[in-house]
């Protein structure tokens, strides 16, 4: 697969702002690495700027493990060291100056944090990739995606794995596995979103009935943090000007290709999510 010109070629007189400022809202005390993986994947996928928003109680720990190029925004937290609902005004103000918001990796299921995510998804009018516990916050509240479909609203990309799709759709896991394409297309159509149903032959579907079945990737990707990496990649491609469907399509393709390259050296058994990030440049080079 060849990359589109927007990703593979850059004019001589460009600057970092031309390639998108990605705001990653992710992480908690229990899952502190999720946001770092997402943010680093966005950088490696061509984003010009990446800011990682984290609960302030884990900010010092994040500084020690994040890439130097990632900017950090400590935000209000609750007693469980997850994002506090009171942080919404600060998040909203910061989001006004960014291009794409990636939300959900590692945020946990604290009730007030989940309420915050629902408010962000329904109220902040920026292109958005929603993953992991960001998706769990929408279970039983998919109506807020209808609100986000009003004229002038920006795109939403949802990236569920099979279990998350089962919770979102109200179907059991077996039914999702048997009807992956149809269920992804229906959720996308019903809520005017782009859906990435992860798994073997990941399905990308948009609200117009368009779909793509991915053929890259391998079982070694069934490892903690792999989905966080994909979220960062899709957000980066949105920030560089691709449509939601294009960003998701090329995101899952390159994500799987990088993992295929990584397993040649690491093996499927030993590969971890950060290995996928390491091989993103090689995957991009192969497709450029």
C-alpha atoms as a PDB file:
ATOM      1  CA  UNK A   1       0.000   0.000   0.000  1.00  0.00           C
ATOM      2  CA  UNK A   2       1.331   3.421  -0.981  1.00  0.00           C
ATOM      3  CA  UNK A   3       0.993   6.316   1.433  1.00  0.00           C
ATOM      4  CA  UNK A   4      -0.942   9.395   0.273  1.00  0.00           C
ATOM      5  CA  UNK A   5       1.066  12.467  -0.656  1.00  0.00           C
ATOM      6  CA  UNK A   6      -0.066  14.268   2.502  1.00  0.00           C
ATOM      7  CA  UNK A   7       1.947  11.758   4.532  1.00  0.00           C
ATOM      8  CA  UNK A   8       4.849  10.885   2.254  1.00  0.00           C
ATOM      9  CA  UNK A   9       5.949  14.293   0.947  1.00  0.00           C
ATOM     10  CA  UNK A  10       6.669  17.573   2.709  1.00  0.00           C
ATOM     11  CA  UNK A  11       7.257  20.987   1.188  1.00  0.00           C
ATOM     12  CA  UNK A  12      10.579  22.689   1.835  1.00  0.00           C
ATOM     13  CA  UNK A  13       9.007  25.682   3.610  1.00  0.00           C
ATOM     14  CA  UNK A  14       6.891  23.803   6.154  1.00  0.00           C
ATOM     15  CA  UNK A  15       7.020  24.074   9.938  1.00  0.00           C
ATOM     16  CA  UNK A  16       5.858  21.866  12.800  1.00  0.00           C
ATOM     17  CA  UNK A  17       2.432  23.480  13.000  1.00  0.00           C
ATOM     18  CA  UNK A  18       1.631  22.193   9.521  1.00  0.00           C
ATOM     19  CA  UNK A  19       1.585  18.610  10.767  1.00  0.00           C
ATOM     20  CA  UNK A  20      -0.851  18.915  13.611  1.00  0.00           C
ATOM     21  CA  UNK A  21      -0.793  19.473  17.358  1.00  0.00           C
ATOM     22  CA  UNK A  22      -2.088  16.289  18.996  1.00  0.00           C
ATOM     23  CA  UNK A  23      -3.478  16.434  22.531  1.00  0.00           C
ATOM     24  CA  UNK A  24      -3.342  13.008  24.171  1.00  0.00           C
ATOM     25  CA  UNK A  25      -5.546  12.773  27.254  1.00  0.00           C
ATOM     26  CA  UNK A  26      -4.548   9.496  28.841  1.00  0.00           C
ATOM     27  CA  UNK A  27      -3.161   7.628  31.810  1.00  0.00           C
ATOM     28  CA  UNK A  28      -3.803   7.108  35.511  1.00  0.00           C
ATOM     29  CA  UNK A  29      -1.814   5.838  38.477  1.00  0.00           C
ATOM     30  CA  UNK A  30      -2.494   2.205  37.506  1.00  0.00           C
ATOM     31  CA  UNK A  31      -1.896   2.714  33.788  1.00  0.00           C
ATOM     32  CA  UNK A  32       0.755   5.416  33.633  1.00  0.00           C
ATOM     33  CA  UNK A  33       2.465   4.091  30.507  1.00  0.00           C
ATOM     34  CA  UNK A  34      -0.589   4.135  28.245  1.00  0.00           C
ATOM     35  CA  UNK A  35      -0.413   7.845  27.486  1.00  0.00           C
ATOM     36  CA  UNK A  36       3.317   7.713  26.849  1.00  0.00           C
ATOM     37  CA  UNK A  37       2.890   4.928  24.275  1.00  0.00           C
ATOM     38  CA  UNK A  38       0.096   6.835  22.553  1.00  0.00           C
ATOM     39  CA  UNK A  39       2.032  10.116  22.473  1.00  0.00           C
ATOM     40  CA  UNK A  40       5.267   8.544  21.239  1.00  0.00           C
ATOM     41  CA  UNK A  41       3.402   6.715  18.477  1.00  0.00           C
ATOM     42  CA  UNK A  42       1.876  10.018  17.367  1.00  0.00           C
ATOM     43  CA  UNK A  43       5.319  11.612  17.176  1.00  0.00           C
ATOM     44  CA  UNK A  44       6.766   8.693  15.210  1.00  0.00           C
ATOM     45  CA  UNK A  45       3.807   8.912  12.830  1.00  0.00           C
ATOM     46  CA  UNK A  46       4.607  12.469  11.799  1.00  0.00           C
ATOM     47  CA  UNK A  47       2.738  14.722  14.243  1.00  0.00           C
ATOM     48  CA  UNK A  48       4.373  18.137  14.494  1.00  0.00           C
ATOM     49  CA  UNK A  49       3.557  18.638  18.175  1.00  0.00           C
ATOM     50  CA  UNK A  50       2.262  16.309  20.880  1.00  0.00           C
ATOM     51  CA  UNK A  51       1.042  17.312  24.334  1.00  0.00           C
ATOM     52  CA  UNK A  52       0.279  14.588  26.874  1.00  0.00           C
ATOM     53  CA  UNK A  53      -2.329  15.490  29.472  1.00  0.00           C
ATOM     54  CA  UNK A  54      -2.105  13.361  32.642  1.00  0.00           C
ATOM     55  CA  UNK A  55      -3.447  13.450  36.219  1.00  0.00           C
ATOM     56  CA  UNK A  56      -1.074  15.747  38.081  1.00  0.00           C
ATOM     57  CA  UNK A  57      -0.173  13.121  40.684  1.00  0.00           C
ATOM     58  CA  UNK A  58       1.648  10.995  38.100  1.00  0.00           C
ATOM     59  CA  UNK A  59       3.262  13.852  36.168  1.00  0.00           C
ATOM     60  CA  UNK A  60       6.682  13.510  37.812  1.00  0.00           C
ATOM     61  CA  UNK A  61       6.770   9.803  37.031  1.00  0.00           C
ATOM     62  CA  UNK A  62       5.750  10.473  33.426  1.00  0.00           C
ATOM     63  CA  UNK A  63       8.580  12.994  33.001  1.00  0.00           C
ATOM     64  CA  UNK A  64      11.079  10.225  33.724  1.00  0.00           C
ATOM     65  CA  UNK A  65       9.744   7.841  31.074  1.00  0.00           C
ATOM     66  CA  UNK A  66       8.384   9.994  28.249  1.00  0.00           C
ATOM     67  CA  UNK A  67      10.298  11.009  25.137  1.00  0.00           C
ATOM     68  CA  UNK A  68      11.941  14.429  25.484  1.00  0.00           C
ATOM     69  CA  UNK A  69       9.907  15.776  22.584  1.00  0.00           C
ATOM     70  CA  UNK A  70       6.543  15.208  24.273  1.00  0.00           C
ATOM     71  CA  UNK A  71       5.099  18.216  26.091  1.00  0.00           C
ATOM     72  CA  UNK A  72       3.308  17.563  29.387  1.00  0.00           C
ATOM     73  CA  UNK A  73       0.128  19.059  30.835  1.00  0.00           C
ATOM     74  CA  UNK A  74      -0.623  18.045  34.463  1.00  0.00           C
ATOM     75  CA  UNK A  75      -4.376  18.176  35.114  1.00  0.00           C
ATOM     76  CA  UNK A  76      -6.672  18.022  38.153  1.00  0.00           C
ATOM     77  CA  UNK A  77      -7.120  14.553  39.620  1.00  0.00           C
ATOM     78  CA  UNK A  78      -9.398  12.820  42.075  1.00  0.00           C
ATOM     79  CA  UNK A  79      -8.483  10.654  45.057  1.00  0.00           C
ATOM     80  CA  UNK A  80      -7.874   7.638  42.802  1.00  0.00           C
ATOM     81  CA  UNK A  81      -5.230   9.513  40.784  1.00  0.00           C
ATOM     82  CA  UNK A  82      -7.472   9.614  37.714  1.00  0.00           C
ATOM     83  CA  UNK A  83      -8.766  12.660  35.851  1.00  0.00           C
ATOM     84  CA  UNK A  84     -11.204  14.808  37.851  1.00  0.00           C
ATOM     85  CA  UNK A  85     -14.386  16.252  36.382  1.00  0.00           C
ATOM     86  CA  UNK A  86     -13.284  19.635  37.734  1.00  0.00           C
ATOM     87  CA  UNK A  87     -10.487  19.654  35.154  1.00  0.00           C
ATOM     88  CA  UNK A  88     -12.913  20.100  32.265  1.00  0.00           C
ATOM     89  CA  UNK A  89     -12.554  23.920  31.945  1.00  0.00           C
ATOM     90  CA  UNK A  90      -8.753  23.643  31.724  1.00  0.00           C
ATOM     91  CA  UNK A  91      -8.974  20.781  29.228  1.00  0.00           C
ATOM     92  CA  UNK A  92     -11.502  22.689  27.151  1.00  0.00           C
ATOM     93  CA  UNK A  93      -9.360  25.832  27.110  1.00  0.00           C
ATOM     94  CA  UNK A  94      -6.215  23.929  26.097  1.00  0.00           C
ATOM     95  CA  UNK A  95      -8.095  21.957  23.435  1.00  0.00           C
ATOM     96  CA  UNK A  96      -9.097  25.181  21.711  1.00  0.00           C
ATOM     97  CA  UNK A  97      -5.508  25.522  20.459  1.00  0.00           C
ATOM     98  CA  UNK A  98      -4.873  21.974  19.240  1.00  0.00           C
ATOM     99  CA  UNK A  99      -5.814  20.070  16.089  1.00  0.00           C
ATOM    100  CA  UNK A 100      -6.727  16.546  17.242  1.00  0.00           C
ATOM    101  CA  UNK A 101      -7.652  15.016  20.586  1.00  0.00           C
ATOM    102  CA  UNK A 102      -6.849  11.383  21.440  1.00  0.00           C
ATOM    103  CA  UNK A 103      -8.686  10.319  24.580  1.00  0.00           C
ATOM    104  CA  UNK A 104      -9.054   7.149  26.610  1.00  0.00           C
ATOM    105  CA  UNK A 105      -5.890   5.046  26.924  1.00  0.00           C
ATOM    106  CA  UNK A 106      -5.329   4.092  30.547  1.00  0.00           C
ATOM    107  CA  UNK A 107      -7.774   6.582  32.068  1.00  0.00           C
ATOM    108  CA  UNK A 108      -9.481   3.962  34.286  1.00  0.00           C
ATOM    109  CA  UNK A 109     -13.203   3.615  35.022  1.00  0.00           C
ATOM    110  CA  UNK A 110     -13.610   5.969  37.959  1.00  0.00           C
ATOM    111  CA  UNK A 111     -17.161   7.344  37.787  1.00  0.00           C
ATOM    112  CA  UNK A 112     -16.202  11.006  37.771  1.00  0.00           C
ATOM    113  CA  UNK A 113     -13.485  10.364  35.168  1.00  0.00           C
ATOM    114  CA  UNK A 114     -16.010   8.595  32.953  1.00  0.00           C
ATOM    115  CA  UNK A 115     -18.376  11.574  33.346  1.00  0.00           C
ATOM    116  CA  UNK A 116     -15.525  13.857  32.280  1.00  0.00           C
ATOM    117  CA  UNK A 117     -14.907  11.799  29.143  1.00  0.00           C
ATOM    118  CA  UNK A 118     -18.576  11.947  28.175  1.00  0.00           C
ATOM    119  CA  UNK A 119     -18.530  15.714  28.549  1.00  0.00           C
ATOM    120  CA  UNK A 120     -15.383  15.979  26.422  1.00  0.00           C
ATOM    121  CA  UNK A 121     -16.767  13.769  23.656  1.00  0.00           C
ATOM    122  CA  UNK A 122     -20.064  15.639  23.506  1.00  0.00           C
ATOM    123  CA  UNK A 123     -18.842  19.214  24.013  1.00  0.00           C
ATOM    124  CA  UNK A 124     -15.340  19.695  22.586  1.00  0.00           C
ATOM    125  CA  UNK A 125     -15.564  20.312  18.844  1.00  0.00           C
ATOM    126  CA  UNK A 126     -12.261  18.881  17.649  1.00  0.00           C
ATOM    127  CA  UNK A 127     -11.420  15.786  15.584  1.00  0.00           C
ATOM    128  CA  UNK A 128     -11.167  13.022  18.144  1.00  0.00           C
ATOM    129  CA  UNK A 129      -9.959   9.430  18.498  1.00  0.00           C
ATOM    130  CA  UNK A 130     -11.652   7.603  21.378  1.00  0.00           C
ATOM    131  CA  UNK A 131     -10.142   4.375  22.726  1.00  0.00           C
ATOM    132  CA  UNK A 132     -10.095   2.002  25.701  1.00  0.00           C
ATOM    133  CA  UNK A 133     -11.809   3.395  28.816  1.00  0.00           C
ATOM    134  CA  UNK A 134     -12.886   6.368  26.721  1.00  0.00           C
ATOM    135  CA  UNK A 135     -15.098   3.856  24.904  1.00  0.00           C
ATOM    136  CA  UNK A 136     -16.269   2.287  28.144  1.00  0.00           C
ATOM    137  CA  UNK A 137     -17.472   5.729  29.224  1.00  0.00           C
ATOM    138  CA  UNK A 138     -19.828   5.699  26.228  1.00  0.00           C
ATOM    139  CA  UNK A 139     -21.505   2.384  27.074  1.00  0.00           C
ATOM    140  CA  UNK A 140     -25.163   3.200  27.662  1.00  0.00           C
ATOM    141  CA  UNK A 141     -24.534   6.798  26.590  1.00  0.00           C
ATOM    142  CA  UNK A 142     -24.139   6.512  22.831  1.00  0.00           C
ATOM    143  CA  UNK A 143     -26.755   9.235  22.473  1.00  0.00           C
ATOM    144  CA  UNK A 144     -24.006  11.790  23.092  1.00  0.00           C
ATOM    145  CA  UNK A 145     -22.511  10.752  19.774  1.00  0.00           C
ATOM    146  CA  UNK A 146     -25.794  11.815  18.209  1.00  0.00           C
ATOM    147  CA  UNK A 147     -25.292  15.228  19.790  1.00  0.00           C
ATOM    148  CA  UNK A 148     -21.790  15.261  18.328  1.00  0.00           C
ATOM    149  CA  UNK A 149     -23.274  14.710  14.857  1.00  0.00           C
ATOM    150  CA  UNK A 150     -24.858  18.156  14.637  1.00  0.00           C
ATOM    151  CA  UNK A 151     -23.889  20.309  11.612  1.00  0.00           C
ATOM    152  CA  UNK A 152     -20.334  21.622  11.930  1.00  0.00           C
ATOM    153  CA  UNK A 153     -19.244  18.946  14.392  1.00  0.00           C
ATOM    154  CA  UNK A 154     -15.824  17.407  13.902  1.00  0.00           C
ATOM    155  CA  UNK A 155     -15.163  13.721  13.264  1.00  0.00           C
ATOM    156  CA  UNK A 156     -15.075  10.991  15.892  1.00  0.00           C
ATOM    157  CA  UNK A 157     -13.041   7.806  15.401  1.00  0.00           C
ATOM    158  CA  UNK A 158     -13.880   4.926  17.758  1.00  0.00           C
ATOM    159  CA  UNK A 159     -11.323   2.118  18.133  1.00  0.00           C
ATOM    160  CA  UNK A 160     -12.910  -0.786  20.068  1.00  0.00           C
ATOM    161  CA  UNK A 161     -11.562  -4.290  20.441  1.00  0.00           C
ATOM    162  CA  UNK A 162     -14.098  -7.125  20.383  1.00  0.00           C
ATOM    163  CA  UNK A 163     -15.034  -6.877  24.064  1.00  0.00           C
ATOM    164  CA  UNK A 164     -15.504  -3.118  23.904  1.00  0.00           C
ATOM    165  CA  UNK A 165     -17.616  -3.454  20.768  1.00  0.00           C
ATOM    166  CA  UNK A 166     -19.791  -6.025  22.535  1.00  0.00           C
ATOM    167  CA  UNK A 167     -20.404  -3.575  25.383  1.00  0.00           C
ATOM    168  CA  UNK A 168     -21.074  -0.670  23.013  1.00  0.00           C
ATOM    169  CA  UNK A 169     -23.452  -2.602  20.776  1.00  0.00           C
ATOM    170  CA  UNK A 170     -25.175  -4.621  23.501  1.00  0.00           C
ATOM    171  CA  UNK A 171     -24.311  -7.875  21.746  1.00  0.00           C
ATOM    172  CA  UNK A 172     -22.306 -10.795  23.077  1.00  0.00           C
ATOM    173  CA  UNK A 173     -18.711 -11.366  22.043  1.00  0.00           C
ATOM    174  CA  UNK A 174     -19.610 -14.382  19.918  1.00  0.00           C
ATOM    175  CA  UNK A 175     -22.083 -12.360  17.880  1.00  0.00           C
ATOM    176  CA  UNK A 176     -19.495  -9.616  17.339  1.00  0.00           C
ATOM    177  CA  UNK A 177     -16.906 -12.135  16.176  1.00  0.00           C
ATOM    178  CA  UNK A 178     -19.311 -13.691  13.671  1.00  0.00           C
ATOM    179  CA  UNK A 179     -20.498 -10.369  12.216  1.00  0.00           C
ATOM    180  CA  UNK A 180     -17.536  -8.039  12.558  1.00  0.00           C
ATOM    181  CA  UNK A 181     -17.975  -6.099   9.338  1.00  0.00           C
ATOM    182  CA  UNK A 182     -21.735  -5.698   9.658  1.00  0.00           C
ATOM    183  CA  UNK A 183     -21.611  -4.592  13.304  1.00  0.00           C
ATOM    184  CA  UNK A 184     -18.817  -2.085  12.628  1.00  0.00           C
ATOM    185  CA  UNK A 185     -20.712  -0.603   9.672  1.00  0.00           C
ATOM    186  CA  UNK A 186     -23.943  -0.353  11.672  1.00  0.00           C
ATOM    187  CA  UNK A 187     -22.346   1.434  14.634  1.00  0.00           C
ATOM    188  CA  UNK A 188     -20.592   3.799  12.258  1.00  0.00           C
ATOM    189  CA  UNK A 189     -23.783   4.521  10.324  1.00  0.00           C
ATOM    190  CA  UNK A 190     -25.995   4.907  13.391  1.00  0.00           C
ATOM    191  CA  UNK A 191     -23.704   7.443  15.054  1.00  0.00           C
ATOM    192  CA  UNK A 192     -21.969   9.136  12.114  1.00  0.00           C
ATOM    193  CA  UNK A 193     -18.520   7.970  13.199  1.00  0.00           C
ATOM    194  CA  UNK A 194     -15.567   6.079  11.793  1.00  0.00           C
ATOM    195  CA  UNK A 195     -15.201   2.733  13.574  1.00  0.00           C
ATOM    196  CA  UNK A 196     -12.042   0.658  13.867  1.00  0.00           C
ATOM    197  CA  UNK A 197     -12.980  -2.813  15.104  1.00  0.00           C
ATOM    198  CA  UNK A 198      -9.623  -4.256  16.135  1.00  0.00           C
ATOM    199  CA  UNK A 199      -8.616  -7.892  15.893  1.00  0.00           C
ATOM    200  CA  UNK A 200      -7.634 -10.317  13.167  1.00  0.00           C
ATOM    201  CA  UNK A 201      -8.401  -8.515   9.890  1.00  0.00           C
ATOM    202  CA  UNK A 202      -9.258  -5.244  11.629  1.00  0.00           C
ATOM    203  CA  UNK A 203     -12.366  -3.619  10.139  1.00  0.00           C
ATOM    204  CA  UNK A 204     -12.458   0.103   9.343  1.00  0.00           C
ATOM    205  CA  UNK A 205     -15.953   1.422   8.551  1.00  0.00           C
ATOM    206  CA  UNK A 206     -17.404   4.865   8.007  1.00  0.00           C
ATOM    207  CA  UNK A 207     -20.892   6.334   8.103  1.00  0.00           C
ATOM    208  CA  UNK A 208     -21.296   6.067   4.328  1.00  0.00           C
ATOM    209  CA  UNK A 209     -20.957   2.287   4.307  1.00  0.00           C
ATOM    210  CA  UNK A 210     -17.349   2.298   3.142  1.00  0.00           C
ATOM    211  CA  UNK A 211     -15.158  -0.354   4.762  1.00  0.00           C
ATOM    212  CA  UNK A 212     -11.617  -1.703   4.702  1.00  0.00           C
ATOM    213  CA  UNK A 213     -10.385  -5.094   5.944  1.00  0.00           C
ATOM    214  CA  UNK A 214      -6.773  -4.976   7.059  1.00  0.00           C
ATOM    215  CA  UNK A 215      -4.381  -7.810   6.274  1.00  0.00           C
ATOM    216  CA  UNK A 216      -1.221  -6.753   8.104  1.00  0.00           C
ATOM    217  CA  UNK A 217      -0.407  -7.732  11.696  1.00  0.00           C
ATOM    218  CA  UNK A 218       0.044 -10.905  13.693  1.00  0.00           C
ATOM    219  CA  UNK A 219      -0.894 -12.540  17.031  1.00  0.00           C
ATOM    220  CA  UNK A 220       2.111 -10.926  18.743  1.00  0.00           C
ATOM    221  CA  UNK A 221       0.088  -7.706  18.785  1.00  0.00           C
ATOM    222  CA  UNK A 222      -2.116  -9.173  21.513  1.00  0.00           C
ATOM    223  CA  UNK A 223      -0.028  -7.397  24.140  1.00  0.00           C
ATOM    224  CA  UNK A 224      -0.604  -4.528  26.565  1.00  0.00           C
ATOM    225  CA  UNK A 225      -0.351  -1.114  24.947  1.00  0.00           C
ATOM    226  CA  UNK A 226      -0.706  -2.166  21.319  1.00  0.00           C
ATOM    227  CA  UNK A 227      -4.048  -0.361  21.021  1.00  0.00           C
ATOM    228  CA  UNK A 228      -2.575   2.768  22.612  1.00  0.00           C
ATOM    229  CA  UNK A 229       0.017   2.854  19.840  1.00  0.00           C
ATOM    230  CA  UNK A 230      -2.690   2.610  17.166  1.00  0.00           C
ATOM    231  CA  UNK A 231      -4.654   5.466  18.733  1.00  0.00           C
ATOM    232  CA  UNK A 232      -1.602   7.728  18.546  1.00  0.00           C
ATOM    233  CA  UNK A 233      -0.954   6.800  14.926  1.00  0.00           C
ATOM    234  CA  UNK A 234      -4.523   7.509  13.795  1.00  0.00           C
ATOM    235  CA  UNK A 235      -4.544  10.828  15.656  1.00  0.00           C
ATOM    236  CA  UNK A 236      -1.270  11.832  13.975  1.00  0.00           C
ATOM    237  CA  UNK A 237      -2.638  11.062  10.520  1.00  0.00           C
ATOM    238  CA  UNK A 238      -5.780  13.081  11.236  1.00  0.00           C
ATOM    239  CA  UNK A 239      -3.537  15.961  12.272  1.00  0.00           C
ATOM    240  CA  UNK A 240      -1.698  15.784   8.946  1.00  0.00           C
ATOM    241  CA  UNK A 241      -4.885  16.295   6.979  1.00  0.00           C
ATOM    242  CA  UNK A 242      -6.226  12.843   6.157  1.00  0.00           C
ATOM    243  CA  UNK A 243      -9.942  12.153   6.393  1.00  0.00           C
ATOM    244  CA  UNK A 244     -11.121  10.030   9.311  1.00  0.00           C
ATOM    245  CA  UNK A 245     -11.475   6.955   7.106  1.00  0.00           C
ATOM    246  CA  UNK A 246      -8.046   7.466   5.531  1.00  0.00           C
ATOM    247  CA  UNK A 247      -6.375   8.079   8.887  1.00  0.00           C
ATOM    248  CA  UNK A 248      -7.881   4.903  10.316  1.00  0.00           C
ATOM    249  CA  UNK A 249      -7.112   2.832   7.220  1.00  0.00           C
ATOM    250  CA  UNK A 250      -3.459   3.846   6.983  1.00  0.00           C
ATOM    251  CA  UNK A 251      -3.142   3.730  10.765  1.00  0.00           C
ATOM    252  CA  UNK A 252      -4.174   0.093  11.055  1.00  0.00           C
ATOM    253  CA  UNK A 253      -2.166  -0.904   7.979  1.00  0.00           C
ATOM    254  CA  UNK A 254       1.093   0.672   9.182  1.00  0.00           C
ATOM    255  CA  UNK A 255       0.475  -0.465  12.763  1.00  0.00           C
ATOM    256  CA  UNK A 256       0.222  -4.058  11.579  1.00  0.00           C
ATOM    257  CA  UNK A 257       3.147  -3.711   9.174  1.00  0.00           C
ATOM    258  CA  UNK A 258       5.386  -2.298  11.922  1.00  0.00           C
ATOM    259  CA  UNK A 259       4.404  -5.233  14.134  1.00  0.00           C
ATOM    260  CA  UNK A 260       5.183  -7.696  11.335  1.00  0.00           C
ATOM    261  CA  UNK A 261       8.639  -6.152  10.983  1.00  0.00           C
ATOM    262  CA  UNK A 262       9.176  -6.186  14.740  1.00  0.00           C
ATOM    263  CA  UNK A 263       8.392  -9.887  15.057  1.00  0.00           C
ATOM    264  CA  UNK A 264      11.194 -10.782  12.659  1.00  0.00           C
ATOM    265  CA  UNK A 265      13.662  -9.629  15.298  1.00  0.00           C
ATOM    266  CA  UNK A 266      11.662  -9.958  18.518  1.00  0.00           C
ATOM    267  CA  UNK A 267       9.398 -12.962  17.746  1.00  0.00           C
ATOM    268  CA  UNK A 268       5.639 -12.844  18.295  1.00  0.00           C
ATOM    269  CA  UNK A 269       5.999 -14.143  21.840  1.00  0.00           C
ATOM    270  CA  UNK A 270       8.546 -11.545  22.959  1.00  0.00           C
ATOM    271  CA  UNK A 271       7.287  -8.458  21.115  1.00  0.00           C
ATOM    272  CA  UNK A 272       5.906  -5.593  23.236  1.00  0.00           C
ATOM    273  CA  UNK A 273       4.019  -2.468  22.232  1.00  0.00           C
ATOM    274  CA  UNK A 274       7.054  -0.185  22.323  1.00  0.00           C
ATOM    275  CA  UNK A 275       8.685  -2.464  19.728  1.00  0.00           C
ATOM    276  CA  UNK A 276       5.874  -1.539  17.337  1.00  0.00           C
ATOM    277  CA  UNK A 277       6.727   2.149  17.795  1.00  0.00           C
ATOM    278  CA  UNK A 278      10.379   1.391  17.062  1.00  0.00           C
ATOM    279  CA  UNK A 279       9.424  -0.066  13.675  1.00  0.00           C
ATOM    280  CA  UNK A 280       6.967   2.652  12.596  1.00  0.00           C
ATOM    281  CA  UNK A 281       9.699   4.502  10.623  1.00  0.00           C
ATOM    282  CA  UNK A 282      10.612   1.319   8.723  1.00  0.00           C
ATOM    283  CA  UNK A 283       6.945   0.665   7.920  1.00  0.00           C
ATOM    284  CA  UNK A 284       6.490   4.240   6.670  1.00  0.00           C
ATOM    285  CA  UNK A 285       9.662   3.986   4.563  1.00  0.00           C
ATOM    286  CA  UNK A 286       8.450   0.782   2.935  1.00  0.00           C
ATOM    287  CA  UNK A 287       5.184   2.424   1.904  1.00  0.00           C
ATOM    288  CA  UNK A 288       6.596   5.776   0.788  1.00  0.00           C
END
